[in-house]
Amino acid sequence: MLSWLRSFSASLFSSEENESTPYLHYVLFFQAGISAVELYLDWRQRKCYELKHIPKELEKQVKPEKFQQAQKYGKDKNTFSMVSELIQTGVHMTLFATYSLPRLWNYCSQIIEKYSFVNILPAELQTTLLYSSVLFLGSKLISLPFSIYNTFVLEQKYGFNKTTGKLFVRDIVTGTLISAVIGYPSLIGLWYVLELSGPKLWLYFWLFTSSLSILLALIYPPLIMPLFNKFQPLQDEKLRHEIEELAMQVGFPLNKIYVMDGSKRTSHSNAFMYGIWKKGIVLYDSLLEQNKDHNERILAVLAHEMGHWKMRHTQKMLVIGLLHSLVLSWSYGKIANNDSMYRSFGFDTKAHIIGLLLFSELLTPLDSVLSLIMNFISRRFEYSADEYAKNMGYSPFLIEALTTLHLENLSTMHPDPLYSLYHNSHPTLTERIHALEKNNLETKKNQ
């Protein structure tokens, strides 16, 4: 297996053309293999949902009926995940195996050649825009039944869904329009960058995509999120004063504290921070409701988030992400002109969008490995932020807050270790409680 992957890598990045390299077969093999791994992990997790005992770390906090409800919810989500994984992977592989994607490109090219909508743009760019639109709308249509079932059947069954049919449709329309407003200019800019870069394609590609990612991260909270949710200043003066005192204590550059009406779509709860120099805090209204008269729990969660800020976890993840994208950009620069790769998938063109599409498919195994590494780093950061909150005296309140969030969201109480390792960017609840309680015991011993 390893020798096969080494042979594939050598063929992919080789400067010599090799018509015998079955790139398409590699992709189909990767897709089938990764899908099989994910189904196996789902099956392992499914067995955990059949356990009848409450984890010992949660025995005091969790009532049997709540545990049983969480197990049923998890099992139903697991079934949904396995079915959607099989269907969507099957559709994805079929598109490649039947050479539907190159045929679609040719159809789009013929339409542009016949009708040429915008004469000031090159024909390939016009075809790229049309081709991308069809793929985007196609993926939306394929995922729509799963989204409808998840929202109006699965989430509705367990009392989480608050979305109306009207709001659901409005979200789809709004999201599609935003994708068009951002996506078309981005695609046009990317096409010209790739077209004019020459031998430094990898460098300019990296600079463009990295700058675009940072820009989108900056504008998303203040400009895009308000299109979907309402943000109002926190009205609870006591809680606001306590949050401001906490921010002042750690030197956190707090600017605004908002409450978001997340409950109009779901009763799942959350909180997050945004901004670069001046920071804003957003609390879900459901989070406030679930922790009513327990401000110390909310402060514990925010102390954890401020721990991320204090230890520069966001900046570190940004640097890691930029280095990751740099390696990928360099790799794309090495294969962008590999004629045999395009022909292996049935394309008779080396259009930039096709090269990027095939490149993303060929790197699927590498992405799976990198996601494991990123999950490991993220989990270490979560433990560090928990430790920061503990050092501020919030350990018991953080345990209460995490447990409350876990129970209210009916999250998994018996996570399978391998499933968690592959999927979860955060430690499990029992792992976090164990770490916090262990640290508390060690602190008492030292005292």
Protein backbone atom coordinates (compact mmCIF):
# COMPACT_ATOMS: atom_id res chain seq x y z
CA MET A 1 0.00 0.00 0.00
CA LEU A 2 2.73 2.46 1.00
CA SER A 3 4.81 1.62 -2.08
CA TRP A 4 1.71 2.20 -4.22
CA LEU A 5 1.20 5.64 -2.67
CA ARG A 6 4.88 6.50 -3.18
CA SER A 7 4.57 5.48 -6.83
CA PHE A 8 1.48 7.65 -7.19
CA SER A 9 3.21 10.66 -5.61
CA ALA A 10 6.25 10.21 -7.81
CA SER A 11 4.08 10.07 -10.94
CA LEU A 12 1.97 13.04 -9.92
CA PHE A 13 4.86 15.42 -9.25
CA SER A 14 7.20 14.12 -11.92
CA SER A 15 8.17 16.58 -14.65
CA GLU A 16 7.95 13.74 -17.19
CA GLU A 17 4.64 12.79 -18.76
CA ASN A 18 3.46 9.26 -17.97
CA GLU A 19 0.37 8.26 -19.93
CA SER A 20 0.14 4.93 -18.07
CA THR A 21 -0.50 6.53 -14.66
CA PRO A 22 -4.17 5.79 -13.79
CA TYR A 23 -4.96 9.02 -11.94
CA LEU A 24 -8.70 8.43 -12.20
CA HIS A 25 -8.36 4.98 -10.67
CA TYR A 26 -6.30 6.43 -7.84
CA VAL A 27 -9.07 8.92 -7.05
CA LEU A 28 -11.80 6.28 -7.15
CA PHE A 29 -9.70 4.05 -4.90
CA PHE A 30 -9.07 6.90 -2.45
CA GLN A 31 -12.73 7.85 -2.34
CA ALA A 32 -13.84 4.27 -1.73
CA GLY A 33 -11.12 3.71 0.88
CA ILE A 34 -11.81 6.86 2.85
CA SER A 35 -15.56 6.24 2.72
CA ALA A 36 -14.97 2.70 4.01
CA VAL A 37 -12.86 4.06 6.89
CA GLU A 38 -15.51 6.60 7.81
CA LEU A 39 -18.27 3.99 7.68
CA TYR A 40 -16.18 1.71 9.89
CA LEU A 41 -15.72 4.53 12.41
CA ASP A 42 -19.46 5.27 12.27
CA TRP A 43 -20.12 1.59 12.98
CA ARG A 44 -17.77 1.68 15.99
CA GLN A 45 -19.50 4.78 17.32
CA ARG A 46 -22.89 3.17 16.72
CA LYS A 47 -22.00 0.37 19.14
CA CYS A 48 -21.28 3.03 21.79
CA TYR A 49 -24.83 4.34 21.43
CA GLU A 50 -26.09 0.92 22.52
CA LEU A 51 -24.33 1.11 25.90
CA LYS A 52 -26.71 1.29 28.87
CA HIS A 53 -24.49 2.74 31.60
CA ILE A 54 -23.73 6.42 32.22
CA PRO A 55 -19.99 7.30 32.21
CA LYS A 56 -18.74 7.52 35.80
CA GLU A 57 -17.60 11.14 35.28
CA LEU A 58 -21.24 12.08 34.55
CA GLU A 59 -23.14 9.84 36.95
CA LYS A 60 -23.93 12.68 39.37
CA GLN A 61 -24.99 15.20 36.71
CA VAL A 62 -26.93 13.07 34.20
CA LYS A 63 -30.37 11.63 34.78
CA PRO A 64 -31.08 8.21 33.22
CA GLU A 65 -33.87 9.55 30.97
CA LYS A 66 -31.56 12.31 29.64
CA PHE A 67 -28.85 9.76 28.95
CA GLN A 68 -31.25 7.49 27.09
CA GLN A 69 -32.50 10.41 25.00
CA ALA A 70 -28.91 11.40 24.11
CA GLN A 71 -28.15 7.80 23.12
CA LYS A 72 -31.21 7.63 20.85
CA TYR A 73 -30.41 11.01 19.29
CA GLY A 74 -26.82 9.95 18.67
CA LYS A 75 -27.89 6.67 17.12
CA ASP A 76 -30.36 8.40 14.80
CA LYS A 77 -27.68 10.90 13.74
CA ASN A 78 -25.30 8.00 13.20
CA THR A 79 -27.76 6.25 10.89
CA PHE A 80 -28.29 9.48 8.97
CA SER A 81 -24.53 9.96 8.67
CA MET A 82 -23.93 6.46 7.30
CA VAL A 83 -26.74 6.67 4.75
CA SER A 84 -25.73 10.14 3.53
CA GLU A 85 -22.07 9.06 3.36
CA LEU A 86 -22.94 6.09 1.14
CA ILE A 87 -25.22 8.05 -1.19
CA GLN A 88 -23.07 11.16 -1.58
CA THR A 89 -19.86 9.16 -2.05
CA GLY A 90 -21.66 6.99 -4.61
CA VAL A 91 -22.82 10.06 -6.54
CA HIS A 92 -19.35 11.61 -6.35
CA MET A 93 -17.59 8.49 -7.64
CA THR A 94 -20.18 7.97 -10.38
CA LEU A 95 -19.58 11.47 -11.75
CA PHE A 96 -15.90 10.65 -12.19
CA ALA A 97 -16.27 7.02 -13.29
CA THR A 98 -18.75 7.94 -16.06
CA TYR A 99 -16.70 10.95 -17.25
CA SER A 100 -19.70 13.18 -16.59
CA LEU A 101 -17.54 16.13 -15.53
CA PRO A 102 -15.59 16.45 -18.80
CA ARG A 103 -18.84 16.10 -20.76
CA LEU A 104 -20.34 18.88 -18.66
CA TRP A 105 -17.32 21.09 -19.41
CA ASN A 106 -17.72 20.47 -23.13
CA TYR A 107 -21.45 21.36 -22.96
CA CYS A 108 -20.69 24.58 -21.10
CA SER A 109 -17.95 25.41 -23.60
CA GLN A 110 -20.35 24.91 -26.50
CA ILE A 111 -22.96 27.14 -24.86
CA ILE A 112 -20.40 29.92 -24.34
CA GLU A 113 -19.09 29.53 -27.88
CA LYS A 114 -22.62 29.86 -29.25
CA TYR A 115 -24.00 32.59 -27.00
CA SER A 116 -20.88 34.28 -25.48
CA PHE A 117 -22.58 36.22 -22.70
CA VAL A 118 -19.83 38.72 -21.82
CA ASN A 119 -17.53 39.42 -24.76
CA ILE A 120 -14.99 41.31 -22.66
CA LEU A 121 -14.10 38.12 -20.76
CA PRO A 122 -12.02 35.30 -22.32
CA ALA A 123 -14.01 32.26 -23.44
CA GLU A 124 -12.32 29.94 -20.94
CA LEU A 125 -13.20 32.27 -18.07
CA GLN A 126 -16.83 32.45 -19.19
CA THR A 127 -16.94 28.65 -19.39
CA THR A 128 -15.34 28.49 -15.94
CA LEU A 129 -18.07 30.69 -14.46
CA LEU A 130 -20.85 28.68 -16.09
CA TYR A 131 -19.26 25.33 -15.20
CA SER A 132 -18.74 26.38 -11.56
CA SER A 133 -22.34 27.59 -11.34
CA VAL A 134 -23.69 24.26 -12.57
CA LEU A 135 -21.48 22.31 -10.15
CA PHE A 136 -22.49 24.59 -7.26
CA LEU A 137 -26.21 24.31 -7.99
CA GLY A 138 -25.86 20.56 -8.57
CA SER A 139 -24.20 20.05 -5.19
CA LYS A 140 -26.93 22.16 -3.57
CA LEU A 141 -29.64 20.01 -5.14
CA ILE A 142 -27.93 16.78 -4.09
CA SER A 143 -27.49 17.95 -0.49
CA LEU A 144 -30.97 19.53 -0.24
CA PRO A 145 -32.91 16.34 0.66
CA PHE A 146 -30.36 15.55 3.39
CA SER A 147 -30.62 19.07 4.76
CA ILE A 148 -34.43 18.92 4.76
CA TYR A 149 -34.47 15.56 6.52
CA ASN A 150 -31.89 16.64 9.10
CA THR A 151 -33.73 19.87 9.90
CA PHE A 152 -37.40 18.92 9.72
CA VAL A 153 -37.25 15.24 10.72
CA LEU A 154 -34.19 14.44 12.81
CA GLU A 155 -33.76 17.74 14.65
CA GLN A 156 -37.54 18.19 14.89
CA LYS A 157 -37.93 14.77 16.50
CA TYR A 158 -35.73 15.77 19.43
CA GLY A 159 -37.06 19.28 19.83
CA PHE A 160 -34.04 21.15 18.45
CA ASN A 161 -35.47 22.55 15.23
CA LYS A 162 -36.99 26.02 15.37
CA THR A 163 -36.65 26.74 11.65
CA THR A 164 -39.83 27.36 9.67
CA GLY A 165 -40.19 26.35 6.04
CA LYS A 166 -40.16 30.01 5.04
CA LEU A 167 -36.94 30.69 6.96
CA PHE A 168 -35.34 27.54 5.52
CA VAL A 169 -36.03 28.70 1.96
CA ARG A 170 -34.90 32.25 2.74
CA ASP A 171 -31.61 30.94 4.14
CA ILE A 172 -30.99 28.94 0.96
CA VAL A 173 -31.75 31.90 -1.30
CA THR A 174 -29.67 34.31 0.82
CA GLY A 175 -26.76 31.88 1.00
CA THR A 176 -26.85 31.34 -2.77
CA LEU A 177 -26.88 35.07 -3.48
CA ILE A 178 -23.98 35.67 -1.09
CA SER A 179 -22.04 32.84 -2.75
CA ALA A 180 -22.63 34.48 -6.12
CA VAL A 181 -21.67 37.98 -4.94
CA ILE A 182 -18.45 36.71 -3.39
CA GLY A 183 -17.78 33.73 -5.61
CA TYR A 184 -17.92 35.24 -9.10
CA PRO A 185 -15.44 38.11 -8.45
CA SER A 186 -13.18 35.67 -6.57
CA LEU A 187 -13.24 33.20 -9.46
CA ILE A 188 -12.51 35.94 -11.98
CA GLY A 189 -9.62 37.23 -9.89
CA LEU A 190 -8.24 33.72 -9.37
CA TRP A 191 -8.45 32.92 -13.08
CA TYR A 192 -6.42 36.01 -14.02
CA VAL A 193 -3.87 35.27 -11.29
CA LEU A 194 -3.35 31.74 -12.63
CA GLU A 195 -3.38 32.90 -16.25
CA LEU A 196 -0.78 35.63 -15.81
CA SER A 197 1.49 34.13 -13.14
CA GLY A 198 3.79 32.11 -15.41
CA PRO A 199 6.49 30.09 -13.62
CA LYS A 200 5.62 31.74 -10.26
CA LEU A 201 2.07 30.40 -10.43
CA TRP A 202 2.35 28.64 -7.06
CA LEU A 203 3.48 31.81 -5.28
CA TYR A 204 0.81 34.15 -6.67
CA PHE A 205 -1.83 31.47 -6.22
CA TRP A 206 -0.88 31.21 -2.54
CA LEU A 207 -0.83 34.98 -2.02
CA PHE A 208 -4.24 35.39 -3.65
CA THR A 209 -6.02 32.53 -1.87
CA SER A 210 -4.47 33.37 1.51
CA SER A 211 -5.43 37.03 1.22
CA LEU A 212 -8.95 36.08 0.16
CA SER A 213 -9.35 33.67 3.10
CA ILE A 214 -8.21 36.30 5.61
CA LEU A 215 -10.50 38.92 4.06
CA LEU A 216 -13.53 36.60 4.23
CA ALA A 217 -12.74 35.74 7.86
CA LEU A 218 -12.70 39.47 8.66
CA ILE A 219 -15.93 40.41 6.90
CA TYR A 220 -17.99 37.33 7.79
CA PRO A 221 -18.99 38.28 11.39
CA PRO A 222 -19.82 41.98 10.85
CA LEU A 223 -21.23 41.84 7.30
CA ILE A 224 -22.53 38.37 6.46
CA MET A 225 -23.78 36.89 9.74
CA PRO A 226 -26.26 39.79 10.31
CA LEU A 227 -27.96 38.76 7.06
CA PHE A 228 -29.05 35.56 8.81
CA ASN A 229 -29.37 36.54 12.47
CA LYS A 230 -30.15 39.55 14.64
CA PHE A 231 -27.44 40.84 16.97
CA GLN A 232 -28.48 42.97 19.93
CA PRO A 233 -26.39 44.40 22.78
CA LEU A 234 -26.50 42.31 25.95
CA GLN A 235 -29.30 43.71 28.11
CA ASP A 236 -28.39 41.92 31.35
CA GLU A 237 -26.43 44.69 33.08
CA LYS A 238 -25.08 42.45 35.85
CA LEU A 239 -23.72 39.87 33.39
CA ARG A 240 -22.35 42.58 31.11
CA HIS A 241 -20.50 44.19 34.03
CA GLU A 242 -19.07 40.81 35.11
CA ILE A 243 -17.87 40.08 31.55
CA GLU A 244 -16.25 43.51 31.31
CA GLU A 245 -14.50 42.94 34.63
CA LEU A 246 -13.24 39.55 33.43
CA ALA A 247 -11.95 41.11 30.20
CA MET A 248 -10.22 43.89 32.14
CA GLN A 249 -8.64 41.34 34.49
CA VAL A 250 -6.92 39.46 31.65
CA GLY A 251 -6.30 42.49 29.40
CA PHE A 252 -8.75 41.31 26.76
CA PRO A 253 -9.53 44.17 24.30
CA LEU A 254 -13.31 43.87 24.59
CA ASN A 255 -15.37 46.14 22.37
CA LYS A 256 -18.97 44.87 22.15
CA ILE A 257 -21.07 42.11 23.74
CA TYR A 258 -23.93 40.87 21.58
CA VAL A 259 -26.73 38.37 21.96
CA MET A 260 -27.60 36.43 18.79
CA ASP A 261 -31.06 35.02 18.15
CA GLY A 262 -29.79 31.52 17.42
CA SER A 263 -32.98 30.08 18.90
CA LYS A 264 -35.01 31.06 15.83
CA ARG A 265 -33.35 28.16 14.01
CA THR A 266 -32.24 25.72 16.69
CA SER A 267 -32.12 25.25 20.44
CA HIS A 268 -28.47 24.20 20.22
CA SER A 269 -26.35 26.79 22.03
CA ASN A 270 -22.94 28.36 21.56
CA ALA A 271 -20.74 31.44 22.10
CA PHE A 272 -17.84 32.87 20.11
CA MET A 273 -15.49 35.83 19.78
CA TYR A 274 -14.48 37.77 16.69
CA GLY A 275 -12.27 40.64 15.59
CA ILE A 276 -8.52 41.31 15.38
CA TRP A 277 -7.60 44.36 17.42
CA LYS A 278 -10.91 45.09 19.10
CA LYS A 279 -12.77 41.95 20.11
CA GLY A 280 -16.47 41.28 20.17
CA ILE A 281 -18.27 38.55 22.12
CA VAL A 282 -21.41 36.88 20.78
CA LEU A 283 -23.64 34.82 23.07
CA TYR A 284 -26.48 32.68 21.74
CA ASP A 285 -29.77 33.56 23.39
CA SER A 286 -30.25 29.83 24.00
CA LEU A 287 -26.97 29.76 25.95
CA LEU A 288 -28.25 32.52 28.23
CA GLU A 289 -31.57 30.74 28.70
CA GLN A 290 -29.94 27.39 29.51
CA ASN A 291 -27.66 29.03 32.10
CA LYS A 292 -30.17 31.47 33.57
CA ASP A 293 -29.15 32.57 37.09
CA HIS A 294 -25.76 30.89 36.57
CA ASN A 295 -23.59 33.74 35.31
CA GLU A 296 -20.47 32.03 36.65
CA ARG A 297 -20.90 29.28 34.02
CA ILE A 298 -21.00 31.82 31.20
CA LEU A 299 -17.96 33.56 32.65
CA ALA A 300 -16.16 30.21 32.80
CA VAL A 301 -16.84 29.60 29.10
CA LEU A 302 -15.60 33.10 28.25
CA ALA A 303 -12.51 32.63 30.46
CA HIS A 304 -11.78 29.54 28.35
CA GLU A 305 -12.17 31.57 25.14
CA MET A 306 -9.98 34.34 26.51
CA GLY A 307 -7.40 31.66 27.26
CA HIS A 308 -7.28 30.94 23.53
CA TRP A 309 -6.69 34.64 22.92
CA LYS A 310 -4.08 34.98 25.67
CA MET A 311 -2.06 32.03 24.32
CA ARG A 312 -2.44 33.24 20.72
CA HIS A 313 -4.04 30.01 19.56
CA THR A 314 -5.92 31.73 16.74
CA GLN A 315 -2.72 33.28 15.39
CA LYS A 316 -0.90 29.97 15.65
CA MET A 317 -3.64 28.16 13.76
CA LEU A 318 -3.57 30.91 11.15
CA VAL A 319 0.18 30.46 10.64
CA ILE A 320 -0.23 26.68 10.42
CA GLY A 321 -3.05 27.15 7.91
CA LEU A 322 -0.97 29.52 5.78
CA LEU A 323 1.98 27.10 5.77
CA HIS A 324 -0.38 24.29 4.83
CA SER A 325 -1.82 26.31 1.94
CA LEU A 326 1.72 27.25 0.86
CA VAL A 327 2.67 23.58 0.54
CA LEU A 328 -0.53 22.87 -1.38
CA SER A 329 0.06 25.86 -3.67
CA TRP A 330 3.59 24.69 -4.42
CA SER A 331 2.23 21.18 -5.11
CA TYR A 332 -0.39 22.55 -7.49
CA GLY A 333 2.28 24.53 -9.31
CA LYS A 334 4.14 21.25 -9.92
CA ILE A 335 1.18 19.45 -11.52
CA ALA A 336 -0.82 22.27 -13.15
CA ASN A 337 0.60 21.42 -16.59
CA ASN A 338 0.56 17.62 -16.27
CA ASP A 339 -1.25 16.76 -19.53
CA SER A 340 -1.60 13.07 -18.73
CA MET A 341 -3.47 13.89 -15.50
CA TYR A 342 -6.17 15.81 -17.40
CA ARG A 343 -6.47 13.11 -20.06
CA SER A 344 -6.76 10.38 -17.43
CA PHE A 345 -9.99 12.02 -16.22
CA GLY A 346 -11.30 12.50 -19.75
CA PHE A 347 -10.56 16.21 -20.18
CA ASP A 348 -9.09 17.57 -23.40
CA THR A 349 -8.47 20.97 -21.80
CA LYS A 350 -6.08 22.27 -19.16
CA ALA A 351 -8.45 24.96 -17.91
CA HIS A 352 -7.42 26.33 -14.54
CA ILE A 353 -10.65 25.39 -12.77
CA ILE A 354 -10.28 21.79 -13.99
CA GLY A 355 -6.71 21.62 -12.71
CA LEU A 356 -7.82 22.84 -9.28
CA LEU A 357 -10.73 20.39 -9.22
CA LEU A 358 -8.53 17.39 -10.09
CA PHE A 359 -5.80 18.52 -7.71
CA SER A 360 -8.25 18.66 -4.80
CA GLU A 361 -9.43 15.13 -5.61
CA LEU A 362 -5.91 13.72 -5.86
CA LEU A 363 -4.93 15.19 -2.50
CA THR A 364 -7.86 13.64 -0.63
CA PRO A 365 -5.64 11.11 1.26
CA LEU A 366 -3.21 13.86 2.29
CA ASP A 367 -6.09 16.03 3.52
CA SER A 368 -7.31 13.15 5.70
CA VAL A 369 -3.87 12.83 7.31
CA LEU A 370 -3.55 16.59 7.77
CA SER A 371 -7.00 16.76 9.39
CA LEU A 372 -5.80 14.27 12.01
CA ILE A 373 -2.79 16.47 12.74
CA MET A 374 -4.94 19.60 12.93
CA ASN A 375 -7.36 17.83 15.28
CA PHE A 376 -4.46 16.86 17.54
CA ILE A 377 -3.20 20.46 17.69
CA SER A 378 -6.71 21.80 18.27
CA ARG A 379 -7.31 19.39 21.15
CA ARG A 380 -4.05 20.45 22.80
CA PHE A 381 -5.16 24.07 22.53
CA GLU A 382 -8.52 23.20 24.13
CA TYR A 383 -6.81 21.57 27.09
CA SER A 384 -4.57 24.65 27.46
CA ALA A 385 -7.57 27.00 27.41
CA ASP A 386 -9.33 24.84 30.01
CA GLU A 387 -6.20 25.04 32.16
CA TYR A 388 -6.21 28.83 31.79
CA ALA A 389 -9.83 29.04 32.99
CA LYS A 390 -8.99 26.68 35.85
CA ASN A 391 -6.10 28.90 36.96
CA MET A 392 -8.55 31.80 37.14
CA GLY A 393 -10.67 29.83 39.58
CA TYR A 394 -13.39 28.74 37.14
CA SER A 395 -12.72 25.00 37.09
CA PRO A 396 -15.93 23.83 38.85
CA PHE A 397 -18.04 26.32 36.90
CA LEU A 398 -16.44 25.29 33.60
CA ILE A 399 -17.26 21.66 34.36
CA GLU A 400 -20.86 22.68 35.09
CA ALA A 401 -21.05 24.77 31.90
CA LEU A 402 -19.57 22.07 29.68
CA THR A 403 -21.86 19.45 31.18
CA THR A 404 -24.94 21.68 30.78
CA LEU A 405 -24.09 22.42 27.14
CA HIS A 406 -23.44 18.74 26.52
CA LEU A 407 -26.75 17.66 28.04
CA GLU A 408 -28.84 20.40 26.43
CA ASN A 409 -27.33 19.55 23.01
CA LEU A 410 -27.74 15.78 23.64
CA SER A 411 -24.10 15.32 22.68
CA THR A 412 -22.36 11.95 22.69
CA MET A 413 -21.59 10.65 26.19
CA HIS A 414 -19.79 7.48 25.10
CA PRO A 415 -17.48 8.59 22.25
CA ASP A 416 -15.50 5.85 20.56
CA PRO A 417 -11.75 6.69 20.82
CA LEU A 418 -10.98 6.13 17.13
CA TYR A 419 -14.09 7.95 15.96
CA SER A 420 -13.25 10.88 18.21
CA LEU A 421 -9.62 10.91 17.06
CA TYR A 422 -10.68 11.17 13.42
CA HIS A 423 -13.66 13.54 13.69
CA ASN A 424 -13.36 15.68 16.80
CA SER A 425 -11.33 18.88 17.01
CA HIS A 426 -12.21 19.13 20.74
CA PRO A 427 -11.55 16.63 23.54
CA THR A 428 -14.63 14.75 24.66
CA LEU A 429 -16.57 15.96 27.70
CA THR A 430 -15.32 13.12 29.90
CA GLU A 431 -11.72 13.81 28.83
CA ARG A 432 -12.05 17.49 29.69
CA ILE A 433 -13.69 16.79 33.05
CA HIS A 434 -11.02 14.22 33.86
CA ALA A 435 -8.24 16.70 33.00
CA LEU A 436 -9.81 19.52 35.04
CA GLU A 437 -10.44 17.31 38.06
CA LYS A 438 -6.94 15.84 37.84
CA ASN A 439 -5.46 19.33 37.78
CA ASN A 440 -7.59 20.29 40.78
CA LEU A 441 -6.31 17.31 42.77
CA GLU A 442 -2.71 18.06 41.84
CA THR A 443 -3.16 21.69 42.90
CA LYS A 444 -4.57 20.66 46.29
CA LYS A 445 -1.67 18.24 46.85
CA ASN A 446 0.86 20.97 46.06
CA GLN A 447 -0.85 23.28 48.52
